[in-house]
mmCIF file of all heavy atoms, coordinates in Angstrom:
data_MODEL
# 
_entry.id   MODEL 
# 
loop_
_atom_site.group_PDB 
_atom_site.id 
_atom_site.type_symbol 
_atom_site.label_atom_id 
_atom_site.label_alt_id 
_atom_site.label_comp_id 
_atom_site.label_asym_id 
_atom_site.label_entity_id 
_atom_site.label_seq_id 
_atom_site.pdbx_PDB_ins_code 
_atom_site.Cartn_x 
_atom_site.Cartn_y 
_atom_site.Cartn_z 
_atom_site.occupancy 
_atom_site.B_iso_or_equiv 
_atom_site.pdbx_formal_charge 
_atom_site.auth_seq_id 
_atom_site.auth_comp_id 
_atom_site.auth_asym_id 
_atom_site.auth_atom_id 
_atom_site.pdbx_PDB_model_num 
ATOM 1   N N   . LYS A 1 1  ? 0.828  -1.217 0.000   1.00 0.00 ? 1  LYS A N   1 
ATOM 2   C CA  . LYS A 1 1  ? 0.000  0.000  0.000   1.00 0.00 ? 1  LYS A CA  1 
ATOM 3   C C   . LYS A 1 1  ? 0.860  1.265  0.000   1.00 0.00 ? 1  LYS A C   1 
ATOM 4   O O   . LYS A 1 1  ? 0.514  2.244  -0.651  1.00 0.00 ? 1  LYS A O   1 
ATOM 5   C CB  . LYS A 1 1  ? -0.961 -0.035 1.183   1.00 0.00 ? 1  LYS A CB  1 
ATOM 6   C CG  . LYS A 1 1  ? -2.042 -1.089 0.985   1.00 0.00 ? 1  LYS A CG  1 
ATOM 7   C CD  . LYS A 1 1  ? -2.954 -1.225 2.171   1.00 0.00 ? 1  LYS A CD  1 
ATOM 8   C CE  . LYS A 1 1  ? -4.044 -2.251 1.857   1.00 0.00 ? 1  LYS A CE  1 
ATOM 9   N NZ  . LYS A 1 1  ? -4.974 -2.425 2.976   1.00 0.00 ? 1  LYS A NZ  1 
ATOM 10  N N   . SER A 1 2  ? 1.973  1.244  0.703   1.00 0.00 ? 2  SER A N   1 
ATOM 11  C CA  . SER A 1 2  ? 2.857  2.411  0.655   1.00 0.00 ? 2  SER A CA  1 
ATOM 12  C C   . SER A 1 2  ? 3.463  2.544  -0.736  1.00 0.00 ? 2  SER A C   1 
ATOM 13  O O   . SER A 1 2  ? 3.646  3.658  -1.242  1.00 0.00 ? 2  SER A O   1 
ATOM 14  C CB  . SER A 1 2  ? 3.939  2.339  1.731   1.00 0.00 ? 2  SER A CB  1 
ATOM 15  O OG  . SER A 1 2  ? 4.796  1.243  1.523   1.00 0.00 ? 2  SER A OG  1 
ATOM 16  N N   . ASP A 1 3  ? 3.757  1.412  -1.376  1.00 0.00 ? 3  ASP A N   1 
ATOM 17  C CA  . ASP A 1 3  ? 4.264  1.413  -2.747  1.00 0.00 ? 3  ASP A CA  1 
ATOM 18  C C   . ASP A 1 3  ? 3.231  2.008  -3.701  1.00 0.00 ? 3  ASP A C   1 
ATOM 19  O O   . ASP A 1 3  ? 3.567  2.810  -4.578  1.00 0.00 ? 3  ASP A O   1 
ATOM 20  C CB  . ASP A 1 3  ? 4.614  -0.020 -3.153  1.00 0.00 ? 3  ASP A CB  1 
ATOM 21  C CG  . ASP A 1 3  ? 5.760  -0.096 -4.132  1.00 0.00 ? 3  ASP A CG  1 
ATOM 22  O OD1 . ASP A 1 3  ? 6.719  0.683  -3.988  1.00 0.00 ? 3  ASP A OD1 1 
ATOM 23  O OD2 . ASP A 1 3  ? 5.692  -0.939 -5.038  1.00 0.00 ? 3  ASP A OD2 1 
ATOM 24  N N   . GLU A 1 4  ? 1.987  1.639  -3.525  1.00 0.00 ? 4  GLU A N   1 
ATOM 25  C CA  . GLU A 1 4  ? 0.908  2.189  -4.358  1.00 0.00 ? 4  GLU A CA  1 
ATOM 26  C C   . GLU A 1 4  ? 0.810  3.706  -4.190  1.00 0.00 ? 4  GLU A C   1 
ATOM 27  O O   . GLU A 1 4  ? 0.665  4.451  -5.169  1.00 0.00 ? 4  GLU A O   1 
ATOM 28  C CB  . GLU A 1 4  ? -0.418 1.529  -3.978  1.00 0.00 ? 4  GLU A CB  1 
ATOM 29  C CG  . GLU A 1 4  ? -1.566 1.898  -4.885  1.00 0.00 ? 4  GLU A CG  1 
ATOM 30  C CD  . GLU A 1 4  ? -2.843 1.149  -4.541  1.00 0.00 ? 4  GLU A CD  1 
ATOM 31  O OE1 . GLU A 1 4  ? -2.780 -0.013 -4.098  1.00 0.00 ? 4  GLU A OE1 1 
ATOM 32  O OE2 . GLU A 1 4  ? -3.924 1.752  -4.726  1.00 0.00 ? 4  GLU A OE2 1 
ATOM 33  N N   . ALA A 1 5  ? 0.909  4.172  -2.959  1.00 0.00 ? 5  ALA A N   1 
ATOM 34  C CA  . ALA A 1 5  ? 0.872  5.617  -2.700  1.00 0.00 ? 5  ALA A CA  1 
ATOM 35  C C   . ALA A 1 5  ? 2.083  6.315  -3.297  1.00 0.00 ? 5  ALA A C   1 
ATOM 36  O O   . ALA A 1 5  ? 1.979  7.420  -3.835  1.00 0.00 ? 5  ALA A O   1 
ATOM 37  C CB  . ALA A 1 5  ? 0.785  5.872  -1.197  1.00 0.00 ? 5  ALA A CB  1 
ATOM 38  N N   . MET A 1 6  ? 3.256  5.660  -3.241  1.00 0.00 ? 6  MET A N   1 
ATOM 39  C CA  . MET A 1 6  ? 4.466  6.247  -3.828  1.00 0.00 ? 6  MET A CA  1 
ATOM 40  C C   . MET A 1 6  ? 4.310  6.400  -5.337  1.00 0.00 ? 6  MET A C   1 
ATOM 41  O O   . MET A 1 6  ? 4.650  7.440  -5.902  1.00 0.00 ? 6  MET A O   1 
ATOM 42  C CB  . MET A 1 6  ? 5.693  5.383  -3.523  1.00 0.00 ? 6  MET A CB  1 
ATOM 43  C CG  . MET A 1 6  ? 6.965  5.925  -4.151  1.00 0.00 ? 6  MET A CG  1 
ATOM 44  S SD  . MET A 1 6  ? 8.323  4.749  -4.136  1.00 0.00 ? 6  MET A SD  1 
ATOM 45  C CE  . MET A 1 6  ? 7.706  3.451  -5.180  1.00 0.00 ? 6  MET A CE  1 
ATOM 46  N N   . TYR A 1 7  ? 3.801  5.362  -6.004  1.00 0.00 ? 7  TYR A N   1 
ATOM 47  C CA  . TYR A 1 7  ? 3.623  5.454  -7.453  1.00 0.00 ? 7  TYR A CA  1 
ATOM 48  C C   . TYR A 1 7  ? 2.587  6.503  -7.818  1.00 0.00 ? 7  TYR A C   1 
ATOM 49  O O   . TYR A 1 7  ? 2.701  7.164  -8.850  1.00 0.00 ? 7  TYR A O   1 
ATOM 50  C CB  . TYR A 1 7  ? 3.308  4.088  -8.063  1.00 0.00 ? 7  TYR A CB  1 
ATOM 51  C CG  . TYR A 1 7  ? 4.559  3.274  -8.214  1.00 0.00 ? 7  TYR A CG  1 
ATOM 52  C CD1 . TYR A 1 7  ? 4.812  2.181  -7.400  1.00 0.00 ? 7  TYR A CD1 1 
ATOM 53  C CD2 . TYR A 1 7  ? 5.544  3.641  -9.132  1.00 0.00 ? 7  TYR A CD2 1 
ATOM 54  C CE1 . TYR A 1 7  ? 5.990  1.459  -7.505  1.00 0.00 ? 7  TYR A CE1 1 
ATOM 55  C CE2 . TYR A 1 7  ? 6.720  2.931  -9.257  1.00 0.00 ? 7  TYR A CE2 1 
ATOM 56  C CZ  . TYR A 1 7  ? 6.933  1.838  -8.447  1.00 0.00 ? 7  TYR A CZ  1 
ATOM 57  O OH  . TYR A 1 7  ? 8.108  1.140  -8.554  1.00 0.00 ? 7  TYR A OH  1 
ATOM 58  N N   . TYR A 1 8  ? 1.600  6.700  -6.971  1.00 0.00 ? 8  TYR A N   1 
ATOM 59  C CA  . TYR A 1 8  ? 0.626  7.761  -7.200  1.00 0.00 ? 8  TYR A CA  1 
ATOM 60  C C   . TYR A 1 8  ? 1.328  9.120  -7.232  1.00 0.00 ? 8  TYR A C   1 
ATOM 61  O O   . TYR A 1 8  ? 1.111  9.912  -8.143  1.00 0.00 ? 8  TYR A O   1 
ATOM 62  C CB  . TYR A 1 8  ? -0.458 7.744  -6.113  1.00 0.00 ? 8  TYR A CB  1 
ATOM 63  C CG  . TYR A 1 8  ? -1.468 8.839  -6.295  1.00 0.00 ? 8  TYR A CG  1 
ATOM 64  C CD1 . TYR A 1 8  ? -2.644 8.603  -6.995  1.00 0.00 ? 8  TYR A CD1 1 
ATOM 65  C CD2 . TYR A 1 8  ? -1.256 10.112 -5.782  1.00 0.00 ? 8  TYR A CD2 1 
ATOM 66  C CE1 . TYR A 1 8  ? -3.573 9.614  -7.178  1.00 0.00 ? 8  TYR A CE1 1 
ATOM 67  C CE2 . TYR A 1 8  ? -2.176 11.127 -5.965  1.00 0.00 ? 8  TYR A CE2 1 
ATOM 68  C CZ  . TYR A 1 8  ? -3.333 10.875 -6.661  1.00 0.00 ? 8  TYR A CZ  1 
ATOM 69  O OH  . TYR A 1 8  ? -4.248 11.884 -6.845  1.00 0.00 ? 8  TYR A OH  1 
ATOM 70  N N   . ILE A 1 9  ? 2.170  9.372  -6.243  1.00 0.00 ? 9  ILE A N   1 
ATOM 71  C CA  . ILE A 1 9  ? 2.851  10.676 -6.192  1.00 0.00 ? 9  ILE A CA  1 
ATOM 72  C C   . ILE A 1 9  ? 3.835  10.815 -7.345  1.00 0.00 ? 9  ILE A C   1 
ATOM 73  O O   . ILE A 1 9  ? 3.997  11.906 -7.901  1.00 0.00 ? 9  ILE A O   1 
ATOM 74  C CB  . ILE A 1 9  ? 3.508  10.926 -4.809  1.00 0.00 ? 9  ILE A CB  1 
ATOM 75  C CG1 . ILE A 1 9  ? 3.795  12.417 -4.589  1.00 0.00 ? 9  ILE A CG1 1 
ATOM 76  C CG2 . ILE A 1 9  ? 4.768  10.143 -4.618  1.00 0.00 ? 9  ILE A CG2 1 
ATOM 77  C CD1 . ILE A 1 9  ? 2.585  13.269 -4.468  1.00 0.00 ? 9  ILE A CD1 1 
ATOM 78  N N   . LYS A 1 10 ? 4.470  9.722  -7.776  1.00 0.00 ? 10 LYS A N   1 
ATOM 79  C CA  . LYS A 1 10 ? 5.374  9.787  -8.931  1.00 0.00 ? 10 LYS A CA  1 
ATOM 80  C C   . LYS A 1 10 ? 4.610  10.134 -10.200 1.00 0.00 ? 10 LYS A C   1 
ATOM 81  O O   . LYS A 1 10 ? 5.121  10.859 -11.050 1.00 0.00 ? 10 LYS A O   1 
ATOM 82  C CB  . LYS A 1 10 ? 6.109  8.456  -9.108  1.00 0.00 ? 10 LYS A CB  1 
ATOM 83  C CG  . LYS A 1 10 ? 7.256  8.269  -8.151  1.00 0.00 ? 10 LYS A CG  1 
ATOM 84  C CD  . LYS A 1 10 ? 8.030  7.015  -8.470  1.00 0.00 ? 10 LYS A CD  1 
ATOM 85  C CE  . LYS A 1 10 ? 9.287  6.942  -7.647  1.00 0.00 ? 10 LYS A CE  1 
ATOM 86  N NZ  . LYS A 1 10 ? 10.186 5.880  -8.090  1.00 0.00 ? 10 LYS A NZ  1 
ATOM 87  N N   . GLU A 1 11 ? 3.400  9.640  -10.335 1.00 0.00 ? 11 GLU A N   1 
ATOM 88  C CA  . GLU A 1 11 ? 2.586  9.927  -11.520 1.00 0.00 ? 11 GLU A CA  1 
ATOM 89  C C   . GLU A 1 11 ? 1.974  11.320 -11.498 1.00 0.00 ? 11 GLU A C   1 
ATOM 90  O O   . GLU A 1 11 ? 1.522  11.813 -12.515 1.00 0.00 ? 11 GLU A O   1 
ATOM 91  C CB  . GLU A 1 11 ? 1.465  8.894  -11.642 1.00 0.00 ? 11 GLU A CB  1 
ATOM 92  C CG  . GLU A 1 11 ? 1.964  7.502  -11.977 1.00 0.00 ? 11 GLU A CG  1 
ATOM 93  C CD  . GLU A 1 11 ? 0.872  6.451  -11.893 1.00 0.00 ? 11 GLU A CD  1 
ATOM 94  O OE1 . GLU A 1 11 ? -0.310 6.803  -11.665 1.00 0.00 ? 11 GLU A OE1 1 
ATOM 95  O OE2 . GLU A 1 11 ? 1.201  5.263  -12.035 1.00 0.00 ? 11 GLU A OE2 1 
ATOM 96  N N   . HIS A 1 12 ? 1.966  11.953 -10.333 1.00 0.00 ? 12 HIS A N   1 
ATOM 97  C CA  . HIS A 1 12 ? 1.336  13.266 -10.188 1.00 0.00 ? 12 HIS A CA  1 
ATOM 98  C C   . HIS A 1 12 ? 2.325  14.342 -9.769  1.00 0.00 ? 12 HIS A C   1 
ATOM 99  O O   . HIS A 1 12 ? 2.029  15.192 -8.928  1.00 0.00 ? 12 HIS A O   1 
ATOM 100 C CB  . HIS A 1 12 ? 0.181  13.168 -9.197  1.00 0.00 ? 12 HIS A CB  1 
ATOM 101 C CG  . HIS A 1 12 ? -0.961 12.346 -9.680  1.00 0.00 ? 12 HIS A CG  1 
ATOM 102 N ND1 . HIS A 1 12 ? -1.017 10.977 -9.521  1.00 0.00 ? 12 HIS A ND1 1 
ATOM 103 C CD2 . HIS A 1 12 ? -2.075 12.686 -10.375 1.00 0.00 ? 12 HIS A CD2 1 
ATOM 104 C CE1 . HIS A 1 12 ? -2.126 10.510 -10.069 1.00 0.00 ? 12 HIS A CE1 1 
ATOM 105 N NE2 . HIS A 1 12 ? -2.787 11.528 -10.602 1.00 0.00 ? 12 HIS A NE2 1 
ATOM 106 N N   . GLY A 1 13 ? 3.520  14.307 -10.345 1.00 0.00 ? 13 GLY A N   1 
ATOM 107 C CA  . GLY A 1 13 ? 4.441  15.416 -10.148 1.00 0.00 ? 13 GLY A CA  1 
ATOM 108 C C   . GLY A 1 13 ? 5.710  15.127 -9.384  1.00 0.00 ? 13 GLY A C   1 
ATOM 109 O O   . GLY A 1 13 ? 6.615  15.935 -9.389  1.00 0.00 ? 13 GLY A O   1 
ATOM 110 N N   . ARG A 1 14 ? 5.781  14.013 -8.688  1.00 0.00 ? 14 ARG A N   1 
ATOM 111 C CA  . ARG A 1 14 ? 6.985  13.650 -7.937  1.00 0.00 ? 14 ARG A CA  1 
ATOM 112 C C   . ARG A 1 14 ? 7.287  14.638 -6.815  1.00 0.00 ? 14 ARG A C   1 
ATOM 113 O O   . ARG A 1 14 ? 6.580  15.602 -6.606  1.00 0.00 ? 14 ARG A O   1 
ATOM 114 C CB  . ARG A 1 14 ? 8.199  13.514 -8.860  1.00 0.00 ? 14 ARG A CB  1 
ATOM 115 C CG  . ARG A 1 14 ? 8.028  12.445 -9.907  1.00 0.00 ? 14 ARG A CG  1 
ATOM 116 C CD  . ARG A 1 14 ? 9.277  12.367 -10.798 1.00 0.00 ? 14 ARG A CD  1 
ATOM 117 N NE  . ARG A 1 14 ? 9.163  11.236 -11.695 1.00 0.00 ? 14 ARG A NE  1 
ATOM 118 C CZ  . ARG A 1 14 ? 9.671  10.034 -11.445 1.00 0.00 ? 14 ARG A CZ  1 
ATOM 119 N NH1 . ARG A 1 14 ? 10.321 9.806  -10.352 1.00 0.00 ? 14 ARG A NH1 1 
ATOM 120 N NH2 . ARG A 1 14 ? 9.500  9.059  -12.308 1.00 0.00 ? 14 ARG A NH2 1 
ATOM 121 N N   . ASN A 1 15 ? 8.378  14.357 -6.120  1.00 0.00 ? 15 ASN A N   1 
ATOM 122 C CA  . ASN A 1 15 ? 8.883  15.229 -5.066  1.00 0.00 ? 15 ASN A CA  1 
ATOM 123 C C   . ASN A 1 15 ? 7.797  15.625 -4.069  1.00 0.00 ? 15 ASN A C   1 
ATOM 124 O O   . ASN A 1 15 ? 7.538  16.795 -3.833  1.00 0.00 ? 15 ASN A O   1 
ATOM 125 C CB  . ASN A 1 15 ? 9.556  16.470 -5.646  1.00 0.00 ? 15 ASN A CB  1 
ATOM 126 C CG  . ASN A 1 15 ? 10.459 17.118 -4.619  1.00 0.00 ? 15 ASN A CG  1 
ATOM 127 O OD1 . ASN A 1 15 ? 11.130 16.430 -3.864  1.00 0.00 ? 15 ASN A OD1 1 
ATOM 128 N ND2 . ASN A 1 15 ? 10.480 18.427 -4.584  1.00 0.00 ? 15 ASN A ND2 1 
ATOM 129 N N   . GLY A 1 16 ? 7.182  14.639 -3.495  1.00 0.00 ? 16 GLY A N   1 
ATOM 130 C CA  . GLY A 1 16 ? 6.143  14.876 -2.506  1.00 0.00 ? 16 GLY A CA  1 
ATOM 131 C C   . GLY A 1 16 ? 5.805  13.579 -1.809  1.00 0.00 ? 16 GLY A C   1 
ATOM 132 O O   . GLY A 1 16 ? 6.541  12.604 -1.896  1.00 0.00 ? 16 GLY A O   1 
ATOM 133 N N   . TYR A 1 17 ? 4.685  13.572 -1.125  1.00 0.00 ? 17 TYR A N   1 
ATOM 134 C CA  . TYR A 1 17 ? 4.282  12.365 -0.418  1.00 0.00 ? 17 TYR A CA  1 
ATOM 135 C C   . TYR A 1 17 ? 2.765  12.228 -0.438  1.00 0.00 ? 17 TYR A C   1 
ATOM 136 O O   . TYR A 1 17 ? 2.036  13.191 -0.671  1.00 0.00 ? 17 TYR A O   1 
ATOM 137 C CB  . TYR A 1 17 ? 4.817  12.359 1.009   1.00 0.00 ? 17 TYR A CB  1 
ATOM 138 C CG  . TYR A 1 17 ? 4.215  13.414 1.910   1.00 0.00 ? 17 TYR A CG  1 
ATOM 139 C CD1 . TYR A 1 17 ? 3.184  13.097 2.783   1.00 0.00 ? 17 TYR A CD1 1 
ATOM 140 C CD2 . TYR A 1 17 ? 4.690  14.722 1.904   1.00 0.00 ? 17 TYR A CD2 1 
ATOM 141 C CE1 . TYR A 1 17 ? 2.638  14.052 3.616   1.00 0.00 ? 17 TYR A CE1 1 
ATOM 142 C CE2 . TYR A 1 17 ? 4.168  15.683 2.736   1.00 0.00 ? 17 TYR A CE2 1 
ATOM 143 C CZ  . TYR A 1 17 ? 3.135  15.346 3.597   1.00 0.00 ? 17 TYR A CZ  1 
ATOM 144 O OH  . TYR A 1 17 ? 2.601  16.295 4.420   1.00 0.00 ? 17 TYR A OH  1 
ATOM 145 N N   . LYS A 1 18 ? 2.332  11.007 -0.222  1.00 0.00 ? 18 LYS A N   1 
ATOM 146 C CA  . LYS A 1 18 ? 0.903  10.713 -0.233  1.00 0.00 ? 18 LYS A CA  1 
ATOM 147 C C   . LYS A 1 18 ? 0.640  9.585  0.757   1.00 0.00 ? 18 LYS A C   1 
ATOM 148 O O   . LYS A 1 18 ? 1.375  8.601  0.799   1.00 0.00 ? 18 LYS A O   1 
ATOM 149 C CB  . LYS A 1 18 ? 0.477  10.302 -1.635  1.00 0.00 ? 18 LYS A CB  1 
ATOM 150 C CG  . LYS A 1 18 ? -0.996 10.256 -1.862  1.00 0.00 ? 18 LYS A CG  1 
ATOM 151 C CD  . LYS A 1 18 ? -1.535 11.646 -2.035  1.00 0.00 ? 18 LYS A CD  1 
ATOM 152 C CE  . LYS A 1 18 ? -2.921 11.625 -2.638  1.00 0.00 ? 18 LYS A CE  1 
ATOM 153 N NZ  . LYS A 1 18 ? -3.498 12.941 -2.700  1.00 0.00 ? 18 LYS A NZ  1 
ATOM 154 N N   . PHE A 1 19 ? -0.407 9.736  1.546   1.00 0.00 ? 19 PHE A N   1 
ATOM 155 C CA  . PHE A 1 19 ? -0.864 8.657  2.395   1.00 0.00 ? 19 PHE A CA  1 
ATOM 156 C C   . PHE A 1 19 ? -1.710 7.700  1.588   1.00 0.00 ? 19 PHE A C   1 
ATOM 157 O O   . PHE A 1 19 ? -2.499 8.124  0.724   1.00 0.00 ? 19 PHE A O   1 
ATOM 158 C CB  . PHE A 1 19 ? -1.715 9.213  3.556   1.00 0.00 ? 19 PHE A CB  1 
ATOM 159 C CG  . PHE A 1 19 ? -0.929 9.888  4.631   1.00 0.00 ? 19 PHE A CG  1 
ATOM 160 C CD1 . PHE A 1 19 ? -0.654 11.239 4.545   1.00 0.00 ? 19 PHE A CD1 1 
ATOM 161 C CD2 . PHE A 1 19 ? -0.481 9.181  5.726   1.00 0.00 ? 19 PHE A CD2 1 
ATOM 162 C CE1 . PHE A 1 19 ? 0.062  11.886 5.549   1.00 0.00 ? 19 PHE A CE1 1 
ATOM 163 C CE2 . PHE A 1 19 ? 0.228  9.800  6.731   1.00 0.00 ? 19 PHE A CE2 1 
ATOM 164 C CZ  . PHE A 1 19 ? 0.505  11.163 6.643   1.00 0.00 ? 19 PHE A CZ  1 
ATOM 165 N N   . TYR A 1 20 ? -1.576 6.403  1.839   1.00 0.00 ? 20 TYR A N   1 
ATOM 166 C CA  . TYR A 1 20 ? -2.381 5.408  1.130   1.00 0.00 ? 20 TYR A CA  1 
ATOM 167 C C   . TYR A 1 20 ? -3.864 5.693  1.311   1.00 0.00 ? 20 TYR A C   1 
ATOM 168 O O   . TYR A 1 20 ? -4.625 5.580  0.356   1.00 0.00 ? 20 TYR A O   1 
ATOM 169 C CB  . TYR A 1 20 ? -2.059 3.988  1.617   1.00 0.00 ? 20 TYR A CB  1 
ATOM 170 C CG  . TYR A 1 20 ? -2.969 2.974  0.999   1.00 0.00 ? 20 TYR A CG  1 
ATOM 171 C CD1 . TYR A 1 20 ? -2.763 2.539  -0.308  1.00 0.00 ? 20 TYR A CD1 1 
ATOM 172 C CD2 . TYR A 1 20 ? -4.065 2.475  1.696   1.00 0.00 ? 20 TYR A CD2 1 
ATOM 173 C CE1 . TYR A 1 20 ? -3.615 1.636  -0.904  1.00 0.00 ? 20 TYR A CE1 1 
ATOM 174 C CE2 . TYR A 1 20 ? -4.922 1.557  1.101   1.00 0.00 ? 20 TYR A CE2 1 
ATOM 175 C CZ  . TYR A 1 20 ? -4.695 1.150  -0.189  1.00 0.00 ? 20 TYR A CZ  1 
ATOM 176 O OH  . TYR A 1 20 ? -5.553 0.258  -0.785  1.00 0.00 ? 20 TYR A OH  1 
ATOM 177 N N   . SER A 1 21 ? -4.276 6.095  2.490   1.00 0.00 ? 21 SER A N   1 
ATOM 178 C CA  . SER A 1 21 ? -5.703 6.361  2.738   1.00 0.00 ? 21 SER A CA  1 
ATOM 179 C C   . SER A 1 21 ? -6.231 7.468  1.834   1.00 0.00 ? 21 SER A C   1 
ATOM 180 O O   . SER A 1 21 ? -7.398 7.441  1.427   1.00 0.00 ? 21 SER A O   1 
ATOM 181 C CB  . SER A 1 21 ? -5.927 6.726  4.205   1.00 0.00 ? 21 SER A CB  1 
ATOM 182 O OG  . SER A 1 21 ? -5.134 7.841  4.579   1.00 0.00 ? 21 SER A OG  1 
ATOM 183 N N   . ASP A 1 22 ? -5.394 8.429  1.437   1.00 0.00 ? 22 ASP A N   1 
ATOM 184 C CA  . ASP A 1 22 ? -5.809 9.486  0.501   1.00 0.00 ? 22 ASP A CA  1 
ATOM 185 C C   . ASP A 1 22 ? -5.921 8.959  -0.917  1.00 0.00 ? 22 ASP A C   1 
ATOM 186 O O   . ASP A 1 22 ? -6.810 9.358  -1.655  1.00 0.00 ? 22 ASP A O   1 
ATOM 187 C CB  . ASP A 1 22 ? -4.833 10.665 0.549   1.00 0.00 ? 22 ASP A CB  1 
ATOM 188 C CG  . ASP A 1 22 ? -4.861 11.385 1.890   1.00 0.00 ? 22 ASP A CG  1 
ATOM 189 O OD1 . ASP A 1 22 ? -5.866 11.284 2.611   1.00 0.00 ? 22 ASP A OD1 1 
ATOM 190 O OD2 . ASP A 1 22 ? -3.843 12.029 2.212   1.00 0.00 ? 22 ASP A OD2 1 
ATOM 191 N N   . VAL A 1 23 ? -5.007 8.062  -1.308  1.00 0.00 ? 23 VAL A N   1 
ATOM 192 C CA  . VAL A 1 23 ? -5.047 7.473  -2.646  1.00 0.00 ? 23 VAL A CA  1 
ATOM 193 C C   . VAL A 1 23 ? -6.303 6.628  -2.784  1.00 0.00 ? 23 VAL A C   1 
ATOM 194 O O   . VAL A 1 23 ? -6.988 6.671  -3.801  1.00 0.00 ? 23 VAL A O   1 
ATOM 195 C CB  . VAL A 1 23 ? -3.790 6.597  -2.897  1.00 0.00 ? 23 VAL A CB  1 
ATOM 196 C CG1 . VAL A 1 23 ? -3.912 5.812  -4.189  1.00 0.00 ? 23 VAL A CG1 1 
ATOM 197 C CG2 . VAL A 1 23 ? -2.550 7.458  -2.906  1.00 0.00 ? 23 VAL A CG2 1 
ATOM 198 N N   . GLU A 1 24 ? -6.606 5.881  -1.749  1.00 0.00 ? 24 GLU A N   1 
ATOM 199 C CA  . GLU A 1 24 ? -7.756 4.978  -1.732  1.00 0.00 ? 24 GLU A CA  1 
ATOM 200 C C   . GLU A 1 24 ? -9.059 5.742  -1.953  1.00 0.00 ? 24 GLU A C   1 
ATOM 201 O O   . GLU A 1 24 ? -9.971 5.255  -2.589  1.00 0.00 ? 24 GLU A O   1 
ATOM 202 C CB  . GLU A 1 24 ? -7.772 4.229  -0.413  1.00 0.00 ? 24 GLU A CB  1 
ATOM 203 C CG  . GLU A 1 24 ? -8.797 3.142  -0.331  1.00 0.00 ? 24 GLU A CG  1 
ATOM 204 C CD  . GLU A 1 24 ? -8.729 2.437  1.015   1.00 0.00 ? 24 GLU A CD  1 
ATOM 205 O OE1 . GLU A 1 24 ? -8.578 3.109  2.053   1.00 0.00 ? 24 GLU A OE1 1 
ATOM 206 O OE2 . GLU A 1 24 ? -8.830 1.211  0.997   1.00 0.00 ? 24 GLU A OE2 1 
# 
């Protein structure tokens, strides 16, 4: 799940962070 959140942030601009619960 942390990997999924990381790939989300990479696809949306990089250089940031995302909680899995927000991606979900």
